[in-house]
Amino acid sequence: MKLATKIVPIFINVFFAGLFAHAQIVGGSISGLVSDSSGASVSGATVTVRQIETGATRILATNGDGRFYAPSVPVGNYLVTVARDGFETDRQSGISLAIGQSLQLSFVLGVEKVQQQIIVDAVQSSVNTTTQQTSGLINEREVKELPLNC
């Protein structure tokens, strides 16, 4: 009996300590909305959350509504970059995250400017335009087939 009265309180303490340790908050969260200049949501955009001090990076993608969510982000200063093909890249720096803080960010991506380059590589003509001479090689068969002027 004495053994059971000692084990039960130890078991209860260990059980509740595990619950309280699990409930501790060690960081915050960063979430947001990505839209284009017309206000339409941008799905499939790549969101990079980079901690400035450590260089730790988390890469996310926006959902169909243009939203992203990064839970359990360690405390620190962050640079958040959003990129999508066909749009200009947008970034927000100096984002400071504290314990338990939930940051909401908004990004507006402008349409990427189309840059096109045409290169013309011209080869110099082999025709001599400075004289009126014509030249060419005629083989023996062509000479024999020439009409005779009589």
Protein backbone atom coordinates (compact mmCIF):
# COMPACT_ATOMS: atom_id res chain seq x y z
CA MET A 1 0.00 0.00 0.00
CA LYS A 2 2.74 2.41 0.88
CA LEU A 3 4.34 1.85 -2.53
CA ALA A 4 1.10 2.70 -4.34
CA THR A 5 0.66 5.92 -2.36
CA LYS A 6 4.17 7.01 -3.44
CA ILE A 7 3.88 6.02 -7.12
CA VAL A 8 0.50 7.64 -7.81
CA PRO A 9 1.58 11.20 -6.85
CA ILE A 10 4.79 10.81 -8.89
CA PHE A 11 2.79 9.63 -11.88
CA ILE A 12 0.35 12.57 -11.56
CA ASN A 13 3.21 15.09 -11.29
CA VAL A 14 4.96 13.67 -14.36
CA PHE A 15 1.70 13.64 -16.33
CA PHE A 16 0.81 17.27 -15.57
CA ALA A 17 4.38 18.48 -16.04
CA GLY A 18 4.29 17.01 -19.54
CA LEU A 19 1.05 18.83 -20.30
CA PHE A 20 2.39 22.18 -19.09
CA ALA A 21 5.68 21.76 -20.95
CA HIS A 22 3.78 20.99 -24.15
CA ALA A 23 1.69 24.14 -23.78
CA GLN A 24 4.68 26.49 -23.58
CA ILE A 25 5.02 28.94 -26.46
CA VAL A 26 8.57 29.21 -27.82
CA GLY A 27 8.01 31.59 -30.72
CA GLY A 28 5.35 33.25 -32.79
CA SER A 29 3.73 32.93 -36.18
CA ILE A 30 3.92 34.82 -39.44
CA SER A 31 1.02 34.74 -41.86
CA GLY A 32 -0.22 36.88 -44.66
CA LEU A 33 -1.96 37.52 -47.93
CA VAL A 34 -0.35 37.90 -51.36
CA SER A 35 -2.28 39.73 -54.07
CA ASP A 36 -1.54 41.40 -57.38
CA SER A 37 -1.92 45.09 -58.19
CA SER A 38 -5.59 44.60 -59.13
CA GLY A 39 -6.36 43.00 -55.74
CA ALA A 40 -6.68 39.41 -56.99
CA SER A 41 -5.06 36.76 -54.81
CA VAL A 42 -1.85 35.15 -56.08
CA SER A 43 -1.78 31.40 -55.50
CA GLY A 44 1.37 29.32 -55.77
CA ALA A 45 3.71 32.17 -54.85
CA THR A 46 6.90 31.18 -53.03
CA VAL A 47 7.23 32.81 -49.60
CA THR A 48 10.67 32.72 -47.99
CA VAL A 49 10.90 33.54 -44.27
CA ARG A 50 14.56 34.10 -43.30
CA GLN A 51 15.77 34.85 -39.79
CA ILE A 52 18.39 37.61 -40.04
CA GLU A 53 20.53 36.55 -37.04
CA THR A 54 20.88 32.85 -37.87
CA GLY A 55 20.10 32.66 -41.56
CA ALA A 56 17.53 29.92 -40.88
CA THR A 57 15.07 29.80 -43.76
CA ARG A 58 11.56 28.46 -44.12
CA ILE A 59 10.02 28.23 -47.60
CA LEU A 60 6.24 28.22 -48.00
CA ALA A 61 3.73 28.46 -50.83
CA THR A 62 0.54 30.48 -50.92
CA ASN A 63 -2.71 28.55 -51.11
CA GLY A 64 -5.56 29.10 -53.59
CA ASP A 65 -6.67 32.20 -51.66
CA GLY A 66 -3.16 33.72 -51.76
CA ARG A 67 -2.63 33.09 -48.03
CA PHE A 68 0.42 31.64 -46.26
CA TYR A 69 1.04 30.59 -42.66
CA ALA A 70 4.31 29.90 -40.84
CA PRO A 71 3.60 28.57 -37.31
CA SER A 72 6.16 28.09 -34.52
CA VAL A 73 8.64 30.63 -35.84
CA PRO A 74 11.49 31.33 -33.38
CA VAL A 75 11.78 34.81 -31.89
CA GLY A 76 13.98 37.19 -33.88
CA ASN A 77 14.23 39.59 -36.80
CA TYR A 78 13.05 38.40 -40.21
CA LEU A 79 13.18 39.15 -43.91
CA VAL A 80 10.12 37.84 -45.80
CA THR A 81 10.34 37.57 -49.59
CA VAL A 82 7.51 36.68 -51.99
CA ALA A 83 8.15 35.62 -55.61
CA ARG A 84 6.01 34.26 -58.41
CA ASP A 85 6.69 33.81 -62.14
CA GLY A 86 5.28 36.72 -64.12
CA PHE A 87 5.36 39.06 -61.10
CA GLU A 88 7.98 41.30 -59.55
CA THR A 89 9.50 40.04 -56.29
CA ASP A 90 8.36 41.82 -53.12
CA ARG A 91 10.10 41.79 -49.73
CA GLN A 92 9.63 43.14 -46.25
CA SER A 93 12.63 43.44 -43.92
CA GLY A 94 13.09 44.45 -40.30
CA ILE A 95 10.19 42.29 -39.15
CA SER A 96 10.60 41.68 -35.42
CA LEU A 97 8.82 38.67 -33.90
CA ALA A 98 8.31 38.29 -30.13
CA ILE A 99 7.15 35.30 -28.07
CA GLY A 100 3.50 34.50 -28.71
CA GLN A 101 3.17 37.21 -31.37
CA SER A 102 1.14 36.53 -34.50
CA LEU A 103 2.15 38.82 -37.37
CA GLN A 104 -0.14 39.48 -40.35
CA LEU A 105 1.66 40.69 -43.47
CA SER A 106 0.34 41.86 -46.85
CA PHE A 107 2.22 41.72 -50.12
CA VAL A 108 1.19 43.29 -53.43
CA LEU A 109 3.03 41.93 -56.46
CA GLY A 110 3.29 44.07 -59.58
CA VAL A 111 3.32 42.53 -63.03
CA GLU A 112 6.84 41.81 -64.18
CA LYS A 113 8.08 44.00 -67.00
CA VAL A 114 8.80 42.07 -70.15
CA GLN A 115 12.32 42.52 -71.38
CA GLN A 116 13.15 41.30 -74.81
CA GLN A 117 16.45 41.53 -76.61
CA ILE A 118 16.92 40.87 -80.30
CA ILE A 119 20.42 40.21 -81.60
CA VAL A 120 21.08 40.38 -85.34
CA ASP A 121 24.25 38.68 -86.47
CA ALA A 122 24.90 39.72 -90.08
CA VAL A 123 27.49 38.12 -92.29
CA GLN A 124 29.17 40.30 -94.90
CA SER A 125 28.09 39.55 -98.42
CA SER A 126 30.58 37.91 -100.78
CA VAL A 127 29.41 40.09 -103.69
CA ASN A 128 31.92 42.74 -104.68
CA THR A 129 29.89 45.91 -105.15
CA THR A 130 32.84 48.14 -106.13
CA THR A 131 33.47 46.70 -109.63
CA GLN A 132 31.30 45.54 -112.48
CA GLN A 133 33.25 42.39 -113.12
CA THR A 134 31.63 39.03 -113.05
CA SER A 135 33.54 35.90 -112.54
CA GLY A 136 32.90 32.23 -112.18
CA LEU A 137 34.27 28.84 -113.11
CA ILE A 138 32.97 26.92 -116.06
CA ASN A 139 33.74 23.25 -116.40
CA GLU A 140 34.68 21.47 -119.65
CA ARG A 141 31.19 20.17 -120.34
CA GLU A 142 29.68 23.65 -120.13
CA VAL A 143 32.32 24.95 -122.56
CA LYS A 144 31.44 22.26 -125.11
CA GLU A 145 27.76 23.10 -124.85
CA LEU A 146 28.27 26.79 -125.59
CA PRO A 147 26.74 27.85 -128.90
CA LEU A 148 29.14 28.96 -131.60
CA ASN A 149 28.68 32.38 -133.06
CA CYS A 150 28.81 32.15 -136.78
